[in-house]
Amino acid sequence: MTIIKIDDKDYDTETLSDEAKAQLQSLQFVDQELAKLQAQAAVLQTARIAYTKALNDALGTELVFNG
């Protein structure tokens, strides 16, 4: 028995309709994909900061690059 909470109400996943189970699976998939994208965005932002610092060092200036 797995209990999930939706809008402050508990549901036993074993008692959900097939349609509700399918929607729940889709929602869980989307949440996982969003988490992956957020992690990837964090990695890319970190790389961007490092590249900006390297460019600043190469130019001998403090450049703020927003492009």
PDB file of N, CA and C in Angstrom:
ATOM      1  N   MET A   1       0.851  -1.180   0.000  1.00  0.00           N
ATOM      2  CA  MET A   1       0.000   0.000   0.000  1.00  0.00           C
ATOM      3  C   MET A   1       0.894   1.240   0.000  1.00  0.00           C
ATOM      4  N   THR A   2       0.714   2.089  -0.986  1.00  0.00           N
ATOM      5  CA  THR A   2       1.445   3.340  -1.077  1.00  0.00           C
ATOM      6  C   THR A   2       0.453   4.486  -0.959  1.00  0.00           C
ATOM      7  N   ILE A   3       0.744   5.383  -0.057  1.00  0.00           N
ATOM      8  CA  ILE A   3      -0.122   6.549   0.157  1.00  0.00           C
ATOM      9  C   ILE A   3       0.553   7.765  -0.465  1.00  0.00           C
ATOM     10  N   ILE A   4      -0.201   8.514  -1.249  1.00  0.00           N
ATOM     11  CA  ILE A   4       0.292   9.775  -1.800  1.00  0.00           C
ATOM     12  C   ILE A   4      -0.618  10.887  -1.297  1.00  0.00           C
ATOM     13  N   LYS A   5      -0.061  12.090  -1.214  1.00  0.00           N
ATOM     14  CA  LYS A   5      -0.831  13.244  -0.758  1.00  0.00           C
ATOM     15  C   LYS A   5      -0.989  14.203  -1.925  1.00  0.00           C
ATOM     16  N   ILE A   6      -2.221  14.534  -2.224  1.00  0.00           N
ATOM     17  CA  ILE A   6      -2.535  15.496  -3.286  1.00  0.00           C
ATOM     18  C   ILE A   6      -3.504  16.509  -2.696  1.00  0.00           C
ATOM     19  N   ASP A   7      -3.123  17.768  -2.744  1.00  0.00           N
ATOM     20  CA  ASP A   7      -3.953  18.845  -2.191  1.00  0.00           C
ATOM     21  C   ASP A   7      -4.379  18.540  -0.752  1.00  0.00           C
ATOM     22  N   ASP A   8      -3.392  18.124   0.060  1.00  0.00           N
ATOM     23  CA  ASP A   8      -3.612  17.843   1.486  1.00  0.00           C
ATOM     24  C   ASP A   8      -4.577  16.688   1.750  1.00  0.00           C
ATOM     25  N   LYS A   9      -4.775  15.822   0.759  1.00  0.00           N
ATOM     26  CA  LYS A   9      -5.624  14.652   0.956  1.00  0.00           C
ATOM     27  C   LYS A   9      -4.811  13.410   0.619  1.00  0.00           C
ATOM     28  N   ASP A  10      -4.921  12.378   1.463  1.00  0.00           N
ATOM     29  CA  ASP A  10      -4.189  11.134   1.249  1.00  0.00           C
ATOM     30  C   ASP A  10      -4.979  10.188   0.355  1.00  0.00           C
ATOM     31  N   TYR A  11      -4.243   9.519  -0.545  1.00  0.00           N
ATOM     32  CA  TYR A  11      -4.837   8.530  -1.441  1.00  0.00           C
ATOM     33  C   TYR A  11      -3.993   7.264  -1.421  1.00  0.00           C
ATOM     34  N   ASP A  12      -4.653   6.122  -1.367  1.00  0.00           N
ATOM     35  CA  ASP A  12      -3.985   4.831  -1.488  1.00  0.00           C
ATOM     36  C   ASP A  12      -3.890   4.547  -2.988  1.00  0.00           C
ATOM     37  N   THR A  13      -2.677   4.422  -3.501  1.00  0.00           N
ATOM     38  CA  THR A  13      -2.505   4.245  -4.947  1.00  0.00           C
ATOM     39  C   THR A  13      -3.134   2.956  -5.458  1.00  0.00           C
ATOM     40  N   GLU A  14      -3.292   1.988  -4.600  1.00  0.00           N
ATOM     41  CA  GLU A  14      -3.900   0.722  -5.027  1.00  0.00           C
ATOM     42  C   GLU A  14      -5.394   0.868  -5.309  1.00  0.00           C
ATOM     43  N   THR A  15      -5.998   1.912  -4.778  1.00  0.00           N
ATOM     44  CA  THR A  15      -7.443   2.089  -4.975  1.00  0.00           C
ATOM     45  C   THR A  15      -7.763   3.101  -6.068  1.00  0.00           C
ATOM     46  N   LEU A  16      -6.738   3.664  -6.693  1.00  0.00           N
ATOM     47  CA  LEU A  16      -6.983   4.641  -7.759  1.00  0.00           C
ATOM     48  C   LEU A  16      -7.506   3.944  -9.008  1.00  0.00           C
ATOM     49  N   SER A  17      -8.285   4.676  -9.777  1.00  0.00           N
ATOM     50  CA  SER A  17      -8.750   4.149 -11.058  1.00  0.00           C
ATOM     51  C   SER A  17      -7.570   4.023 -12.015  1.00  0.00           C
ATOM     52  N   ASP A  18      -7.740   3.261 -13.077  1.00  0.00           N
ATOM     53  CA  ASP A  18      -6.674   3.120 -14.075  1.00  0.00           C
ATOM     54  C   ASP A  18      -6.306   4.473 -14.672  1.00  0.00           C
ATOM     55  N   GLU A  19      -7.310   5.303 -14.908  1.00  0.00           N
ATOM     56  CA  GLU A  19      -7.056   6.646 -15.455  1.00  0.00           C
ATOM     57  C   GLU A  19      -6.232   7.478 -14.472  1.00  0.00           C
ATOM     58  N   ALA A  20      -6.579   7.427 -13.187  1.00  0.00           N
ATOM     59  CA  ALA A  20      -5.843   8.178 -12.178  1.00  0.00           C
ATOM     60  C   ALA A  20      -4.410   7.656 -12.061  1.00  0.00           C
ATOM     61  N   LYS A  21      -4.238   6.338 -12.125  1.00  0.00           N
ATOM     62  CA  LYS A  21      -2.896   5.754 -12.073  1.00  0.00           C
ATOM     63  C   LYS A  21      -2.055   6.212 -13.265  1.00  0.00           C
ATOM     64  N   ALA A  22      -2.674   6.253 -14.444  1.00  0.00           N
ATOM     65  CA  ALA A  22      -1.956   6.698 -15.644  1.00  0.00           C
ATOM     66  C   ALA A  22      -1.551   8.161 -15.510  1.00  0.00           C
ATOM     67  N   GLN A  23      -2.448   8.987 -15.005  1.00  0.00           N
ATOM     68  CA  GLN A  23      -2.140  10.413 -14.821  1.00  0.00           C
ATOM     69  C   GLN A  23      -1.036  10.591 -13.781  1.00  0.00           C
ATOM     70  N   LEU A  24      -1.078   9.790 -12.716  1.00  0.00           N
ATOM     71  CA  LEU A  24      -0.053   9.852 -11.681  1.00  0.00           C
ATOM     72  C   LEU A  24       1.308   9.467 -12.260  1.00  0.00           C
ATOM     73  N   GLN A  25       1.342   8.412 -13.065  1.00  0.00           N
ATOM     74  CA  GLN A  25       2.599   8.005 -13.699  1.00  0.00           C
ATOM     75  C   GLN A  25       3.132   9.111 -14.601  1.00  0.00           C
ATOM     76  N   SER A  26       2.265   9.741 -15.351  1.00  0.00           N
ATOM     77  CA  SER A  26       2.682  10.837 -16.229  1.00  0.00           C
ATOM     78  C   SER A  26       3.230  12.003 -15.406  1.00  0.00           C
ATOM     79  N   LEU A  27       2.563  12.319 -14.326  1.00  0.00           N
ATOM     80  CA  LEU A  27       3.013  13.405 -13.452  1.00  0.00           C
ATOM     81  C   LEU A  27       4.368  13.084 -12.841  1.00  0.00           C
ATOM     82  N   GLN A  28       4.555  11.839 -12.396  1.00  0.00           N
ATOM     83  CA  GLN A  28       5.834  11.443 -11.815  1.00  0.00           C
ATOM     84  C   GLN A  28       6.948  11.506 -12.860  1.00  0.00           C
ATOM     85  N   PHE A  29       6.654  11.099 -14.088  1.00  0.00           N
ATOM     86  CA  PHE A  29       7.634  11.179 -15.164  1.00  0.00           C
ATOM     87  C   PHE A  29       8.044  12.622 -15.417  1.00  0.00           C
ATOM     88  N   VAL A  30       7.051  13.507 -15.506  1.00  0.00           N
ATOM     89  CA  VAL A  30       7.329  14.922 -15.758  1.00  0.00           C
ATOM     90  C   VAL A  30       8.149  15.518 -14.617  1.00  0.00           C
ATOM     91  N   ASP A  31       7.812  15.168 -13.387  1.00  0.00           N
ATOM     92  CA  ASP A  31       8.581  15.665 -12.245  1.00  0.00           C
ATOM     93  C   ASP A  31      10.039  15.207 -12.306  1.00  0.00           C
ATOM     94  N   GLN A  32      10.266  13.955 -12.708  1.00  0.00           N
ATOM     95  CA  GLN A  32      11.632  13.445 -12.839  1.00  0.00           C
ATOM     96  C   GLN A  32      12.388  14.181 -13.939  1.00  0.00           C
ATOM     97  N   GLU A  33      11.728  14.413 -15.053  1.00  0.00           N
ATOM     98  CA  GLU A  33      12.373  15.127 -16.159  1.00  0.00           C
ATOM     99  C   GLU A  33      12.694  16.568 -15.773  1.00  0.00           C
ATOM    100  N   LEU A  34      11.778  17.222 -15.051  1.00  0.00           N
ATOM    101  CA  LEU A  34      12.043  18.585 -14.584  1.00  0.00           C
ATOM    102  C   LEU A  34      13.230  18.614 -13.630  1.00  0.00           C
ATOM    103  N   ALA A  35      13.323  17.632 -12.758  1.00  0.00           N
ATOM    104  CA  ALA A  35      14.455  17.569 -11.828  1.00  0.00           C
ATOM    105  C   ALA A  35      15.762  17.407 -12.590  1.00  0.00           C
ATOM    106  N   LYS A  36      15.756  16.582 -13.639  1.00  0.00           N
ATOM    107  CA  LYS A  36      16.960  16.410 -14.463  1.00  0.00           C
ATOM    108  C   LYS A  36      17.343  17.725 -15.140  1.00  0.00           C
ATOM    109  N   LEU A  37      16.352  18.406 -15.686  1.00  0.00           N
ATOM    110  CA  LEU A  37      16.624  19.679 -16.360  1.00  0.00           C
ATOM    111  C   LEU A  37      17.132  20.734 -15.388  1.00  0.00           C
ATOM    112  N   GLN A  38      16.581  20.757 -14.182  1.00  0.00           N
ATOM    113  CA  GLN A  38      17.044  21.721 -13.181  1.00  0.00           C
ATOM    114  C   GLN A  38      18.488  21.422 -12.780  1.00  0.00           C
ATOM    115  N   ALA A  39      18.819  20.151 -12.661  1.00  0.00           N
ATOM    116  CA  ALA A  39      20.199  19.779 -12.336  1.00  0.00           C
ATOM    117  C   ALA A  39      21.127  20.159 -13.482  1.00  0.00           C
ATOM    118  N   GLN A  40      20.684  19.918 -14.705  1.00  0.00           N
ATOM    119  CA  GLN A  40      21.498  20.282 -15.871  1.00  0.00           C
ATOM    120  C   GLN A  40      21.680  21.795 -15.952  1.00  0.00           C
ATOM    121  N   ALA A  41      20.629  22.541 -15.669  1.00  0.00           N
ATOM    122  CA  ALA A  41      20.731  24.002 -15.683  1.00  0.00           C
ATOM    123  C   ALA A  41      21.728  24.482 -14.635  1.00  0.00           C
ATOM    124  N   ALA A  42      21.752  23.852 -13.469  1.00  0.00           N
ATOM    125  CA  ALA A  42      22.704  24.225 -12.423  1.00  0.00           C
ATOM    126  C   ALA A  42      24.135  23.969 -12.880  1.00  0.00           C
ATOM    127  N   VAL A  43      24.347  22.837 -13.540  1.00  0.00           N
ATOM    128  CA  VAL A  43      25.686  22.520 -14.057  1.00  0.00           C
ATOM    129  C   VAL A  43      26.097  23.544 -15.112  1.00  0.00           C
ATOM    130  N   LEU A  44      25.187  23.862 -16.013  1.00  0.00           N
ATOM    131  CA  LEU A  44      25.500  24.826 -17.067  1.00  0.00           C
ATOM    132  C   LEU A  44      25.758  26.216 -16.497  1.00  0.00           C
ATOM    133  N   GLN A  45      25.006  26.609 -15.483  1.00  0.00           N
ATOM    134  CA  GLN A  45      25.221  27.917 -14.862  1.00  0.00           C
ATOM    135  C   GLN A  45      26.593  27.957 -14.191  1.00  0.00           C
ATOM    136  N   THR A  46      26.976  26.861 -13.544  1.00  0.00           N
ATOM    137  CA  THR A  46      28.295  26.787 -12.919  1.00  0.00           C
ATOM    138  C   THR A  46      29.390  26.896 -13.976  1.00  0.00           C
ATOM    139  N   ALA A  47      29.213  26.203 -15.089  1.00  0.00           N
ATOM    140  CA  ALA A  47      30.187  26.277 -16.179  1.00  0.00           C
ATOM    141  C   ALA A  47      30.249  27.694 -16.741  1.00  0.00           C
ATOM    142  N   ARG A  48      29.112  28.329 -16.882  1.00  0.00           N
ATOM    143  CA  ARG A  48      29.074  29.704 -17.407  1.00  0.00           C
ATOM    144  C   ARG A  48      29.862  30.648 -16.513  1.00  0.00           C
ATOM    145  N   ILE A  49      29.697  30.485 -15.206  1.00  0.00           N
ATOM    146  CA  ILE A  49      30.441  31.320 -14.258  1.00  0.00           C
ATOM    147  C   ILE A  49      31.937  31.083 -14.409  1.00  0.00           C
ATOM    148  N   ALA A  50      32.329  29.816 -14.542  1.00  0.00           N
ATOM    149  CA  ALA A  50      33.747  29.489 -14.687  1.00  0.00           C
ATOM    150  C   ALA A  50      34.312  30.064 -15.988  1.00  0.00           C
ATOM    151  N   TYR A  51      33.553  29.949 -17.078  1.00  0.00           N
ATOM    152  CA  TYR A  51      34.018  30.496 -18.352  1.00  0.00           C
ATOM    153  C   TYR A  51      34.115  32.015 -18.309  1.00  0.00           C
ATOM    154  N   THR A  52      33.169  32.663 -17.639  1.00  0.00           N
ATOM    155  CA  THR A  52      33.224  34.119 -17.499  1.00  0.00           C
ATOM    156  C   THR A  52      34.453  34.544 -16.707  1.00  0.00           C
ATOM    157  N   LYS A  53      34.745  33.796 -15.629  1.00  0.00           N
ATOM    158  CA  LYS A  53      35.934  34.107 -14.844  1.00  0.00           C
ATOM    159  C   LYS A  53      37.194  33.897 -15.676  1.00  0.00           C
ATOM    160  N   ALA A  54      37.252  32.816 -16.442  1.00  0.00           N
ATOM    161  CA  ALA A  54      38.415  32.549 -17.291  1.00  0.00           C
ATOM    162  C   ALA A  54      38.578  33.634 -18.339  1.00  0.00           C
ATOM    163  N   LEU A  55      37.481  34.101 -18.901  1.00  0.00           N
ATOM    164  CA  LEU A  55      37.544  35.192 -19.876  1.00  0.00           C
ATOM    165  C   LEU A  55      38.031  36.472 -19.210  1.00  0.00           C
ATOM    166  N   ASN A  56      37.521  36.763 -18.033  1.00  0.00           N
ATOM    167  CA  ASN A  56      37.987  37.938 -17.294  1.00  0.00           C
ATOM    168  C   ASN A  56      39.489  37.865 -17.054  1.00  0.00           C
ATOM    169  N   ASP A  57      39.950  36.672 -16.630  1.00  0.00           N
ATOM    170  CA  ASP A  57      41.381  36.485 -16.381  1.00  0.00           C
ATOM    171  C   ASP A  57      42.188  36.674 -17.655  1.00  0.00           C
ATOM    172  N   ALA A  58      41.687  36.141 -18.774  1.00  0.00           N
ATOM    173  CA  ALA A  58      42.388  36.246 -20.048  1.00  0.00           C
ATOM    174  C   ALA A  58      42.467  37.695 -20.534  1.00  0.00           C
ATOM    175  N   LEU A  59      41.416  38.458 -20.240  1.00  0.00           N
ATOM    176  CA  LEU A  59      41.389  39.858 -20.660  1.00  0.00           C
ATOM    177  C   LEU A  59      42.038  40.789 -19.651  1.00  0.00           C
ATOM    178  N   GLY A  60      42.262  40.270 -18.473  1.00  0.00           N
ATOM    179  CA  GLY A  60      42.845  41.108 -17.416  1.00  0.00           C
ATOM    180  C   GLY A  60      41.892  42.156 -16.919  1.00  0.00           C
ATOM    181  N   THR A  61      40.603  41.888 -17.027  1.00  0.00           N
ATOM    182  CA  THR A  61      39.587  42.845 -16.596  1.00  0.00           C
ATOM    183  C   THR A  61      38.513  42.117 -15.783  1.00  0.00           C
ATOM    184  N   GLU A  62      37.630  42.923 -15.275  1.00  0.00           N
ATOM    185  CA  GLU A  62      36.433  42.355 -14.647  1.00  0.00           C
ATOM    186  C   GLU A  62      35.276  42.614 -15.574  1.00  0.00           C
ATOM    187  N   LEU A  63      34.975  41.632 -16.372  1.00  0.00           N
ATOM    188  CA  LEU A  63      33.922  41.724 -17.363  1.00  0.00           C
ATOM    189  C   LEU A  63      32.667  41.083 -16.807  1.00  0.00           C
ATOM    190  N   VAL A  64      31.561  41.760 -16.975  1.00  0.00           N
ATOM    191  CA  VAL A  64      30.282  41.154 -16.635  1.00  0.00           C
ATOM    192  C   VAL A  64      29.597  40.863 -17.963  1.00  0.00           C
ATOM    193  N   PHE A  65      29.468  39.583 -18.243  1.00  0.00           N
ATOM    194  CA  PHE A  65      28.924  39.148 -19.528  1.00  0.00           C
ATOM    195  C   PHE A  65      27.518  38.613 -19.329  1.00  0.00           C
ATOM    196  N   ASN A  66      26.558  39.246 -19.950  1.00  0.00           N
ATOM    197  CA  ASN A  66      25.157  38.834 -19.801  1.00  0.00           C
ATOM    198  C   ASN A  66      24.621  38.139 -21.036  1.00  0.00           C
ATOM    199  N   GLY A  67      25.442  37.926 -22.041  1.00  0.00           N
ATOM    200  CA  GLY A  67      24.977  37.364 -23.298  1.00  0.00           C
ATOM    201  C   GLY A  67      24.787  35.930 -23.239  1.00  0.00           C
TER     202      GLY A  67
END
